[in-house]
Each structure stands twice: as structure tokens, then as C-alpha cells.
C-alpha atoms as a PDB file:
ATOM      1  CA  MET A   1     112.377 101.932 102.604  1.00  0.00           C
ATOM      2  CA  THR A   2     111.545 103.828 105.813  1.00  0.00           C
ATOM      3  CA  LYS A   3     109.663 106.836 105.563  1.00  0.00           C
ATOM      4  CA  GLU A   4     111.023 110.128 106.793  1.00  0.00           C
ATOM      5  CA  THR A   5     109.071 110.859 110.174  1.00  0.00           C
ATOM      6  CA  LEU A   6     106.454 113.570 110.236  1.00  0.00           C
ATOM      7  CA  ILE A   7     104.847 113.179 113.417  1.00  0.00           C
ATOM      8  CA  GLU A   8     106.525 111.500 116.491  1.00  0.00           C
ATOM      9  CA  PHE A   9     105.031 110.779 120.171  1.00  0.00           C
ATOM     10  CA  ASN A  10     107.909 110.111 122.591  1.00  0.00           C
ATOM     11  CA  ASN A  11     106.560 108.429 125.776  1.00  0.00           C
ATOM     12  CA  VAL A  12     103.601 110.822 125.819  1.00  0.00           C
ATOM     13  CA  SER A  13     101.320 111.071 128.757  1.00  0.00           C
ATOM     14  CA  TYR A  14      98.102 113.356 129.014  1.00  0.00           C
ATOM     15  CA  SER A  15      95.831 114.139 131.779  1.00  0.00           C
ATOM     16  CA  TYR A  16      92.923 116.342 131.602  1.00  0.00           C
ATOM     17  CA  ASP A  17      93.089 116.742 135.515  1.00  0.00           C
ATOM     18  CA  ASP A  18      95.667 119.750 136.592  1.00  0.00           C
ATOM     19  CA  GLU A  19      95.601 118.184 140.010  1.00  0.00           C
ATOM     20  CA  GLU A  20      98.473 116.171 140.944  1.00  0.00           C
ATOM     21  CA  GLU A  21      96.867 114.100 143.123  1.00  0.00           C
ATOM     22  CA  ASN A  22      94.682 111.401 142.043  1.00  0.00           C
ATOM     23  CA  LYS A  23      95.930 112.458 138.209  1.00  0.00           C
ATOM     24  CA  ARG A  24      93.927 110.120 135.702  1.00  0.00           C
ATOM     25  CA  PHE A  25      95.730 109.795 132.231  1.00  0.00           C
ATOM     26  CA  ALA A  26      93.905 109.425 129.307  1.00  0.00           C
ATOM     27  CA  VAL A  27      96.895 108.303 127.343  1.00  0.00           C
ATOM     28  CA  LYS A  28     100.281 106.838 129.113  1.00  0.00           C
ATOM     29  CA  ASN A  29     103.630 106.408 128.073  1.00  0.00           C
ATOM     30  CA  VAL A  30     102.733 106.438 124.470  1.00  0.00           C
ATOM     31  CA  SER A  31     105.524 106.337 121.880  1.00  0.00           C
ATOM     32  CA  PHE A  32     104.833 105.881 117.703  1.00  0.00           C
ATOM     33  CA  THR A  33     105.744 107.697 114.619  1.00  0.00           C
ATOM     34  CA  VAL A  34     103.798 108.774 111.623  1.00  0.00           C
ATOM     35  CA  GLY A  35     105.924 108.742 108.402  1.00  0.00           C
ATOM     36  CA  ARG A  36     105.447 111.055 105.532  1.00  0.00           C
ATOM     37  CA  GLY A  37     102.965 109.812 103.240  1.00  0.00           C
ATOM     38  CA  GLU A  38     102.092 106.963 105.489  1.00  0.00           C
ATOM     39  CA  PHE A  39      98.401 105.685 106.357  1.00  0.00           C
ATOM     40  CA  ILE A  40      98.108 104.568 110.064  1.00  0.00           C
ATOM     41  CA  ALA A  41      94.719 103.415 111.375  1.00  0.00           C
ATOM     42  CA  ILE A  42      94.232 103.564 115.070  1.00  0.00           C
ATOM     43  CA  LEU A  43      91.873 101.268 116.872  1.00  0.00           C
ATOM     44  CA  GLY A  44      90.356 101.191 120.212  1.00  0.00           C
ATOM     45  CA  HIS A  45      86.952 101.095 121.798  1.00  0.00           C
ATOM     46  CA  ASN A  46      85.322 104.293 123.711  1.00  0.00           C
ATOM     47  CA  GLY A  47      87.269 105.897 126.297  1.00  0.00           C
ATOM     48  CA  SER A  48      90.635 104.077 125.217  1.00  0.00           C
ATOM     49  CA  GLY A  49      92.476 107.627 124.648  1.00  0.00           C
ATOM     50  CA  LYS A  50      92.053 107.704 120.753  1.00  0.00           C
ATOM     51  CA  SER A  51      90.697 111.331 120.656  1.00  0.00           C
ATOM     52  CA  THR A  52      93.248 112.361 123.218  1.00  0.00           C
ATOM     53  CA  ILE A  53      95.996 111.109 120.386  1.00  0.00           C
ATOM     54  CA  ALA A  54      94.157 113.048 117.821  1.00  0.00           C
ATOM     55  CA  LYS A  55      94.385 116.372 119.764  1.00  0.00           C
ATOM     56  CA  LEU A  56      97.965 115.965 120.732  1.00  0.00           C
ATOM     57  CA  CYS A  57      98.673 115.599 116.913  1.00  0.00           C
ATOM     58  CA  ASN A  58      98.280 119.297 116.353  1.00  0.00           C
ATOM     59  CA  SER A  59      98.813 121.176 119.771  1.00  0.00           C
ATOM     60  CA  ILE A  60      95.192 121.209 120.617  1.00  0.00           C
ATOM     61  CA  CYS A  61      96.480 119.336 123.873  1.00  0.00           C
ATOM     62  CA  ILE A  62      99.931 119.655 124.937  1.00  0.00           C
ATOM     63  CA  PRO A  63     101.684 116.591 126.707  1.00  0.00           C
ATOM     64  CA  THR A  64     101.558 116.645 130.349  1.00  0.00           C
ATOM     65  CA  SER A  65     104.719 114.706 129.946  1.00  0.00           C
ATOM     66  CA  GLY A  66     106.926 113.523 127.038  1.00  0.00           C
ATOM     67  CA  THR A  67     107.216 115.112 123.648  1.00  0.00           C
ATOM     68  CA  VAL A  68     105.440 115.216 120.461  1.00  0.00           C
ATOM     69  CA  THR A  69     107.185 116.713 117.615  1.00  0.00           C
ATOM     70  CA  VAL A  70     105.637 117.468 114.069  1.00  0.00           C
ATOM     71  CA  GLY A  71     108.235 118.283 111.173  1.00  0.00           C
ATOM     72  CA  GLY A  72     110.803 118.390 113.877  1.00  0.00           C
ATOM     73  CA  MET A  73     108.743 121.160 115.767  1.00  0.00           C
ATOM     74  CA  ASP A  74     107.889 120.596 119.479  1.00  0.00           C
ATOM     75  CA  THR A  75     104.382 121.274 120.023  1.00  0.00           C
ATOM     76  CA  ARG A  76     105.271 122.423 123.668  1.00  0.00           C
ATOM     77  CA  GLU A  77     106.261 125.380 122.180  1.00  0.00           C
ATOM     78  CA  GLU A  78     103.836 128.378 121.850  1.00  0.00           C
ATOM     79  CA  GLU A  79     105.619 129.711 118.744  1.00  0.00           C
ATOM     80  CA  ASN A  80     105.255 126.658 117.049  1.00  0.00           C
ATOM     81  CA  GLU A  81     101.632 126.344 117.111  1.00  0.00           C
ATOM     82  CA  ILE A  82     100.584 127.929 113.916  1.00  0.00           C
ATOM     83  CA  GLU A  83     102.958 125.920 111.756  1.00  0.00           C
ATOM     84  CA  VAL A  84     102.164 122.628 113.252  1.00  0.00           C
ATOM     85  CA  ARG A  85      98.442 123.172 112.604  1.00  0.00           C
ATOM     86  CA  LYS A  86      99.272 124.134 109.022  1.00  0.00           C
ATOM     87  CA  LYS A  87     100.850 120.683 108.848  1.00  0.00           C
ATOM     88  CA  VAL A  88      98.448 118.590 110.810  1.00  0.00           C
ATOM     89  CA  GLY A  89      94.550 119.143 109.983  1.00  0.00           C
ATOM     90  CA  VAL A  90      92.115 117.415 112.249  1.00  0.00           C
ATOM     91  CA  VAL A  91      88.528 116.337 111.422  1.00  0.00           C
ATOM     92  CA  PHE A  92      86.474 115.447 114.458  1.00  0.00           C
ATOM     93  CA  GLN A  93      83.388 113.209 114.919  1.00  0.00           C
ATOM     94  CA  ASN A  94      80.824 116.038 115.569  1.00  0.00           C
ATOM     95  CA  PRO A  95      81.162 118.276 112.513  1.00  0.00           C
ATOM     96  CA  ASP A  96      79.254 121.274 114.367  1.00  0.00           C
ATOM     97  CA  ASN A  97      82.395 121.789 116.231  1.00  0.00           C
ATOM     98  CA  GLN A  98      84.321 122.748 113.063  1.00  0.00           C
ATOM     99  CA  ILE A  99      81.765 124.314 110.881  1.00  0.00           C
ATOM    100  CA  VAL A 100      82.101 128.203 111.131  1.00  0.00           C
ATOM    101  CA  ALA A 101      80.410 129.497 108.012  1.00  0.00           C
ATOM    102  CA  SER A 102      76.489 129.598 107.128  1.00  0.00           C
ATOM    103  CA  ILE A 103      77.233 128.830 103.550  1.00  0.00           C
ATOM    104  CA  VAL A 104      78.891 125.712 102.333  1.00  0.00           C
ATOM    105  CA  GLU A 105      81.610 127.094 100.089  1.00  0.00           C
ATOM    106  CA  GLU A 106      82.458 129.697 102.384  1.00  0.00           C
ATOM    107  CA  ASP A 107      83.147 127.180 105.243  1.00  0.00           C
ATOM    108  CA  VAL A 108      85.420 125.339 103.149  1.00  0.00           C
ATOM    109  CA  ALA A 109      87.212 128.455 102.001  1.00  0.00           C
ATOM    110  CA  PHE A 110      87.726 129.439 105.725  1.00  0.00           C
ATOM    111  CA  GLY A 111      90.697 127.584 106.220  1.00  0.00           C
ATOM    112  CA  PRO A 112      92.654 128.320 102.949  1.00  0.00           C
ATOM    113  CA  GLU A 113      91.853 132.257 103.529  1.00  0.00           C
ATOM    114  CA  ASN A 114      93.238 132.090 106.815  1.00  0.00           C
ATOM    115  CA  LEU A 115      96.461 130.782 105.420  1.00  0.00           C
ATOM    116  CA  ALA A 116      96.549 133.886 102.844  1.00  0.00           C
ATOM    117  CA  VAL A 117      96.202 131.358  99.887  1.00  0.00           C
ATOM    118  CA  ASP A 118      95.793 133.117  96.564  1.00  0.00           C
ATOM    119  CA  PRO A 119      91.862 133.752  95.581  1.00  0.00           C
ATOM    120  CA  LYS A 120      91.879 131.800  92.289  1.00  0.00           C
ATOM    121  CA  GLU A 121      93.728 128.779  94.207  1.00  0.00           C
ATOM    122  CA  ILE A 122      91.115 128.902  96.962  1.00  0.00           C
ATOM    123  CA  ARG A 123      88.152 128.654  94.198  1.00  0.00           C
ATOM    124  CA  ILE A 124      90.054 125.806  92.688  1.00  0.00           C
ATOM    125  CA  ARG A 125      90.573 124.065  96.063  1.00  0.00           C
ATOM    126  CA  VAL A 126      87.091 124.361  97.306  1.00  0.00           C
ATOM    127  CA  ASP A 127      85.488 122.895  93.978  1.00  0.00           C
ATOM    128  CA  GLU A 128      87.799 119.873  94.429  1.00  0.00           C
ATOM    129  CA  ALA A 129      87.461 119.183  97.884  1.00  0.00           C
ATOM    130  CA  LEU A 130      83.593 119.706  97.595  1.00  0.00           C
ATOM    131  CA  GLU A 131      83.846 117.116  94.545  1.00  0.00           C
ATOM    132  CA  ALA A 132      85.770 114.773  96.359  1.00  0.00           C
ATOM    133  CA  VAL A 133      83.441 114.532  99.313  1.00  0.00           C
ATOM    134  CA  GLY A 134      80.004 114.519  96.999  1.00  0.00           C
ATOM    135  CA  MET A 135      78.920 117.987  97.923  1.00  0.00           C
ATOM    136  CA  TYR A 136      79.702 119.959  95.267  1.00  0.00           C
ATOM    137  CA  ASP A 137      75.786 120.197  94.439  1.00  0.00           C
ATOM    138  CA  ARG A 138      75.294 121.808  97.863  1.00  0.00           C
ATOM    139  CA  ARG A 139      77.980 124.338  97.587  1.00  0.00           C
ATOM    140  CA  PHE A 140      75.467 127.147  98.057  1.00  0.00           C
ATOM    141  CA  SER A 141      73.395 125.394 100.625  1.00  0.00           C
ATOM    142  CA  GLU A 142      72.967 126.947 104.329  1.00  0.00           C
ATOM    143  CA  THR A 143      75.329 124.761 106.559  1.00  0.00           C
ATOM    144  CA  HIS A 144      72.645 124.727 109.540  1.00  0.00           C
ATOM    145  CA  ARG A 145      70.223 122.988 106.996  1.00  0.00           C
ATOM    146  CA  LEU A 146      72.635 120.262 106.365  1.00  0.00           C
ATOM    147  CA  SER A 147      72.007 116.526 107.634  1.00  0.00           C
ATOM    148  CA  GLY A 148      74.688 115.327 110.119  1.00  0.00           C
ATOM    149  CA  GLY A 149      76.486 113.103 107.284  1.00  0.00           C
ATOM    150  CA  GLN A 150      76.386 116.300 104.970  1.00  0.00           C
ATOM    151  CA  LYS A 151      78.071 118.285 107.670  1.00  0.00           C
ATOM    152  CA  GLN A 152      80.681 115.950 108.179  1.00  0.00           C
ATOM    153  CA  ARG A 153      81.600 115.783 104.878  1.00  0.00           C
ATOM    154  CA  VAL A 154      81.899 119.614 104.674  1.00  0.00           C
ATOM    155  CA  ALA A 155      84.110 119.553 107.785  1.00  0.00           C
ATOM    156  CA  ILE A 156      86.232 117.073 105.992  1.00  0.00           C
ATOM    157  CA  ALA A 157      86.397 119.149 102.747  1.00  0.00           C
ATOM    158  CA  GLY A 158      87.562 121.960 104.859  1.00  0.00           C
ATOM    159  CA  ILE A 159      90.621 120.024 106.017  1.00  0.00           C
ATOM    160  CA  ILE A 160      91.280 118.862 102.412  1.00  0.00           C
ATOM    161  CA  ALA A 161      91.266 122.430 100.906  1.00  0.00           C
ATOM    162  CA  MET A 162      93.898 123.271 103.453  1.00  0.00           C
ATOM    163  CA  ARG A 163      96.225 120.747 101.691  1.00  0.00           C
ATOM    164  CA  PRO A 164      98.150 119.881 105.087  1.00  0.00           C
ATOM    165  CA  GLU A 165     101.013 117.286 104.927  1.00  0.00           C
ATOM    166  CA  CYS A 166      98.698 115.138 107.359  1.00  0.00           C
ATOM    167  CA  ILE A 167      94.972 114.614 107.929  1.00  0.00           C
ATOM    168  CA  VAL A 168      94.115 113.319 111.568  1.00  0.00           C
ATOM    169  CA  LEU A 169      90.497 111.799 111.278  1.00  0.00           C
ATOM    170  CA  ASP A 170      89.005 110.919 114.803  1.00  0.00           C
ATOM    171  CA  GLU A 171      85.725 108.821 113.816  1.00  0.00           C
ATOM    172  CA  PRO A 172      85.045 110.630 110.880  1.00  0.00           C
ATOM    173  CA  THR A 173      82.410 108.614 109.384  1.00  0.00           C
ATOM    174  CA  ALA A 174      80.677 107.752 112.491  1.00  0.00           C
ATOM    175  CA  MET A 175      77.480 109.889 111.514  1.00  0.00           C
ATOM    176  CA  LEU A 176      77.512 108.493 108.055  1.00  0.00           C
ATOM    177  CA  ASP A 177      75.482 105.695 106.388  1.00  0.00           C
ATOM    178  CA  PRO A 178      77.696 102.762 104.662  1.00  0.00           C
ATOM    179  CA  LYS A 179      77.546 104.475 101.349  1.00  0.00           C
ATOM    180  CA  GLY A 180      78.832 107.656 102.766  1.00  0.00           C
ATOM    181  CA  ARG A 181      81.346 106.138 104.765  1.00  0.00           C
ATOM    182  CA  ALA A 182      82.716 104.198 101.604  1.00  0.00           C
ATOM    183  CA  ARG A 183      82.921 107.603  99.674  1.00  0.00           C
ATOM    184  CA  VAL A 184      84.802 109.254 102.711  1.00  0.00           C
ATOM    185  CA  LEU A 185      86.997 106.534 103.259  1.00  0.00           C
ATOM    186  CA  LYS A 186      87.834 106.359  99.334  1.00  0.00           C
ATOM    187  CA  THR A 187      88.625 110.226  99.304  1.00  0.00           C
ATOM    188  CA  VAL A 188      90.904 109.821 102.042  1.00  0.00           C
ATOM    189  CA  THR A 189      92.514 106.691 100.666  1.00  0.00           C
ATOM    190  CA  SER A 190      92.951 108.758  97.528  1.00  0.00           C
ATOM    191  CA  LEU A 191      94.625 111.672  99.310  1.00  0.00           C
ATOM    192  CA  ASN A 192      96.831 109.468 100.625  1.00  0.00           C
ATOM    193  CA  ARG A 193      97.939 107.240  97.881  1.00  0.00           C
ATOM    194  CA  GLU A 194      97.702 109.977  94.982  1.00  0.00           C
ATOM    195  CA  LEU A 195      98.840 113.134  96.978  1.00  0.00           C
ATOM    196  CA  GLY A 196     100.909 111.742  99.648  1.00  0.00           C
ATOM    197  CA  ILE A 197      99.370 113.314 102.606  1.00  0.00           C
ATOM    198  CA  SER A 198      99.936 111.262 105.677  1.00  0.00           C
ATOM    199  CA  VAL A 199      96.571 110.088 107.232  1.00  0.00           C
ATOM    200  CA  VAL A 200      95.787 109.185 110.613  1.00  0.00           C
ATOM    201  CA  LEU A 201      92.467 107.382 111.035  1.00  0.00           C
ATOM    202  CA  ILE A 202      90.801 106.658 114.305  1.00  0.00           C
ATOM    203  CA  THR A 203      88.039 104.612 113.968  1.00  0.00           C
ATOM    204  CA  HIS A 204      85.982 101.876 115.278  1.00  0.00           C
ATOM    205  CA  PHE A 205      84.859 100.169 112.052  1.00  0.00           C
ATOM    206  CA  MET A 206      87.239  97.433 111.691  1.00  0.00           C
ATOM    207  CA  GLU A 207      86.811  97.432 107.837  1.00  0.00           C
ATOM    208  CA  GLU A 208      88.195 100.913 107.581  1.00  0.00           C
ATOM    209  CA  ALA A 209      91.719  99.880 108.939  1.00  0.00           C
ATOM    210  CA  ILE A 210      91.969  97.046 106.524  1.00  0.00           C
ATOM    211  CA  GLY A 211      93.672  99.577 103.498  1.00  0.00           C
ATOM    212  CA  ALA A 212      96.040 101.063 106.195  1.00  0.00           C
ATOM    213  CA  ASP A 213      99.958 100.742 105.904  1.00  0.00           C
ATOM    214  CA  ARG A 214      99.896 100.018 109.899  1.00  0.00           C
ATOM    215  CA  ILE A 215      97.355  99.696 112.587  1.00  0.00           C
ATOM    216  CA  MET A 216      98.201 100.768 116.138  1.00  0.00           C
ATOM    217  CA  VAL A 217      95.760  99.087 118.909  1.00  0.00           C
ATOM    218  CA  ILE A 218      95.277 101.391 122.042  1.00  0.00           C
ATOM    219  CA  ASN A 219      93.506 100.394 125.435  1.00  0.00           C
ATOM    220  CA  LYS A 220      93.267 102.129 128.613  1.00  0.00           C
ATOM    221  CA  GLY A 221      95.515 104.785 127.127  1.00  0.00           C
ATOM    222  CA  ALA A 222      98.324 102.646 126.312  1.00  0.00           C
ATOM    223  CA  VAL A 223      99.481 100.964 123.030  1.00  0.00           C
ATOM    224  CA  LYS A 224      98.976  97.343 122.844  1.00  0.00           C
ATOM    225  CA  ALA A 225     100.217  96.623 119.446  1.00  0.00           C
ATOM    226  CA  VAL A 226     101.401  97.990 116.030  1.00  0.00           C
ATOM    227  CA  GLY A 227     101.494  96.252 112.997  1.00  0.00           C
ATOM    228  CA  THR A 228     100.340  95.656 109.651  1.00  0.00           C
ATOM    229  CA  PRO A 229      96.647  94.957 108.943  1.00  0.00           C
ATOM    230  CA  ARG A 230      97.228  90.993 108.626  1.00  0.00           C
ATOM    231  CA  GLU A 231      99.582  90.987 111.898  1.00  0.00           C
ATOM    232  CA  ILE A 232      97.007  92.872 113.977  1.00  0.00           C
ATOM    233  CA  PHE A 233      93.877  90.980 112.695  1.00  0.00           C
ATOM    234  CA  GLY A 234      95.740  87.799 112.784  1.00  0.00           C
ATOM    235  CA  GLN A 235      95.718  88.089 116.720  1.00  0.00           C
ATOM    236  CA  PRO A 236      92.114  87.913 117.555  1.00  0.00           C
ATOM    237  CA  GLU A 237      92.367  87.323 121.065  1.00  0.00           C
ATOM    238  CA  LEU A 238      94.542  90.537 121.370  1.00  0.00           C
ATOM    239  CA  LEU A 239      91.531  92.456 119.994  1.00  0.00           C
ATOM    240  CA  LYS A 240      89.090  90.817 122.208  1.00  0.00           C
ATOM    241  CA  GLY A 241      91.082  91.635 125.016  1.00  0.00           C
ATOM    242  CA  CYS A 242      90.791  95.278 124.015  1.00  0.00           C
ATOM    243  CA  GLY A 243      86.932  95.054 123.743  1.00  0.00           C
ATOM    244  CA  LEU A 244      87.381  95.277 119.620  1.00  0.00           C
ATOM    245  CA  GLU A 245      86.292  92.873 116.943  1.00  0.00           C
ATOM    246  CA  LEU A 246      87.487  91.393 113.720  1.00  0.00           C
ATOM    247  CA  PRO A 247      86.484  92.628 110.470  1.00  0.00           C
ATOM    248  CA  ASP A 248      83.432  90.496 108.939  1.00  0.00           C
ATOM    249  CA  THR A 249      85.578  88.521 106.639  1.00  0.00           C
ATOM    250  CA  ALA A 250      88.183  87.766 109.081  1.00  0.00           C
ATOM    251  CA  LYS A 251      85.286  86.563 111.832  1.00  0.00           C
ATOM    252  CA  LEU A 252      83.643  84.287 109.096  1.00  0.00           C
ATOM    253  CA  CYS A 253      86.994  82.592 108.497  1.00  0.00           C
ATOM    254  CA  GLU A 254      87.361  82.172 112.132  1.00  0.00           C
ATOM    255  CA  LYS A 255      84.067  80.412 112.075  1.00  0.00           C
ATOM    256  CA  LEU A 256      85.303  78.118 109.362  1.00  0.00           C
ATOM    257  CA  LYS A 257      88.622  77.437 111.114  1.00  0.00           C
ATOM    258  CA  LEU A 258      85.953  76.077 114.220  1.00  0.00           C
ATOM    259  CA  GLU A 259      84.206  73.665 111.959  1.00  0.00           C
ATOM    260  CA  ASN A 260      87.615  72.243 110.776  1.00  0.00           C
ATOM    261  CA  ILE A 261      87.745  74.013 107.464  1.00  0.00           C
ATOM    262  CA  ASP A 262      91.629  74.640 106.386  1.00  0.00           C
ATOM    263  CA  ILE A 263      91.426  78.142 105.365  1.00  0.00           C
ATOM    264  CA  ARG A 264      93.869  81.043 105.668  1.00  0.00           C
ATOM    265  CA  GLY A 265      93.980  83.171 108.867  1.00  0.00           C
ATOM    266  CA  ASP A 266      94.885  86.196 107.412  1.00  0.00           C
ATOM    267  CA  ILE A 267      92.057  86.763 104.979  1.00  0.00           C
ATOM    268  CA  LEU A 268      90.756  90.284 105.137  1.00  0.00           C
ATOM    269  CA  THR A 269      88.882  91.349 102.070  1.00  0.00           C
ATOM    270  CA  GLU A 270      85.734  89.867 100.173  1.00  0.00           C
ATOM    271  CA  ASP A 271      87.925  89.299  97.141  1.00  0.00           C
ATOM    272  CA  GLU A 272      90.712  87.350  99.243  1.00  0.00           C
ATOM    273  CA  PHE A 273      87.930  85.160 100.717  1.00  0.00           C
ATOM    274  CA  VAL A 274      86.473  84.351  97.597  1.00  0.00           C
ATOM    275  CA  ASP A 275      89.894  83.410  95.924  1.00  0.00           C
ATOM    276  CA  GLU A 276      90.686  81.107  98.855  1.00  0.00           C
ATOM    277  CA  ILE A 277      87.285  79.502  98.624  1.00  0.00           C
ATOM    278  CA  LEU A 278      87.678  78.784  95.008  1.00  0.00           C
ATOM    279  CA  LYS A 279      91.155  77.285  95.711  1.00  0.00           C
ATOM    280  CA  LEU A 280      89.611  74.942  98.531  1.00  0.00           C
ATOM    281  CA  THR A 281      86.839  73.887  96.286  1.00  0.00           C
ATOM    282  CA  GLY A 282      89.196  72.988  93.354  1.00  0.00           C
ATOM    283  CA  LYS A 283      87.198  75.559  91.433  1.00  0.00           C
ATOM    284  CA  THR A 284      88.705  78.638  89.327  1.00  0.00           C
ATOM    285  CA  GLU A 285      86.621  81.557  87.759  1.00  0.00           C
END
């Protein structure tokens, strides 16, 4: 069943250059939608326009041409700005750009306080958000003493506590170790699957996109492909042409195919890989 549209990009272009002559566009003629409760991953190499799309989602940037609507509201209309940002929260790669308070729990409470949420509800949201990102035991810590990865988890908790309808995450795990990345991804997936929050995950870690409902590949500011993870990762030449790689499991399958081993080409996870190898060898667990 088609999900109700929450965010819609309609032929959107954006340039950071105000001069008409020699205008260079970060994104050009981009069109896509994000449904309510949908999990979309956006893949692209550095400079492809991914971060600009994140900023366009909640009025940080306004389209040079075309339209972005959030819940039917045009982001070009100044009177819609606050409501748009209530619906769409953005987590950026550098947490220092989002941390505003000196104490962890005060920083996480900042957003809900500005939304005039009841203090008792704020207490619940702050505790739940910090638990979700594994930072509850540091709730009284000074933010400037945290590591980069810890700061990022606090920034994510701050957005979670605001309970937006959609969370846009721009390379949120870039500063985390593998364990930290797994924890954050599990948290984001849980918010999507259990609470129905729409998620737009911008990442260069291919494995993080495997659990998405859809993947959008962007290159040089333009959308090159949109499809399910199996559809997108089943096109290795497309990904390579956009400066991207396959997930590790898919890369292994590709190497086995080069050795004339008749293995499926749409395997994405380790469990699927193990099942396929057992099937090929005639063994069962």
C-alpha cells in the first residue's frame, strides 16, 4: 500500500551562488517523495549534493527553483518555517553545530522546551532519548568534555526528544566506531519501525542502507536511481559509476561469481550469504 506523502521534492534545484552568471548548482532538478513512516537511505560520494538535500528538507535552505513541501506546507513560505521544523528534525555530521547547552541532559531538553512541552513529559523524553543512544549514564556530564562520538549521540538524542514526524540524518555515524554506528543505526531503525517516524538516512556506509525501504543514489547533484536495496545493490556498475561500492557481502558474492560459482546476485546480509552457501554445498544447519 502506498504511504501518504510527508515530504515532496518537485524539480528542485539549489545553488549557493547568488550570481546568475556561472551559477553552479549543488542539486539540479531533483524530484522524490518521503512517505509517512518510510525509511529512505540516500547514497552519494562527497560533494554529490547529499547534505544540501538534508538542508532543503526543513527550510534550512530554500530551493533556488522548484518546490519542497512538508506535510503540504511550501518551505518557501516564511510563515511555514517553524511548523516545518517541528515536523522534520535534522542531525548533522558535526555535532558541535547542534549542541547548545553545557550539560548533556539540558542540551537534550532544549528542543522540547522550545516546543513548550510539559516539564514532566520533557523529563520522560530526555531519559528515553539518552537511554536510546547509550548516553544516560553521562546525562550530568559537561558537553565540552565528551568525545566526538559521544557528542553525536547527544545531538541525535536531542532530535529524538523532539518527536518529529521525520528525522533526517546527514552522515550521523561518521565519527563513531563500528559498535557506536551499530547502536545508532539500531536506535534509528527502532524509531522508524516501532514509532512510525519517517527516516531519511544520508550515509556513505553501504551496510547502513541495507535495512531501508528505498535507496536513492545521487551523483553530481542529480538523482541517478531509486529502488529497493536489492534493486540498487544489484547494479554494481551504476554504483561504481557514482563513486560508490557494494556492501561487503555483495562484494564477496561478486568475487565468487567471477570464480564461476553460481551464487545469487541479490544477497545483502551475512545471514543470507550463509544460507546460500549452505544451499550450494548441500548442507543444512
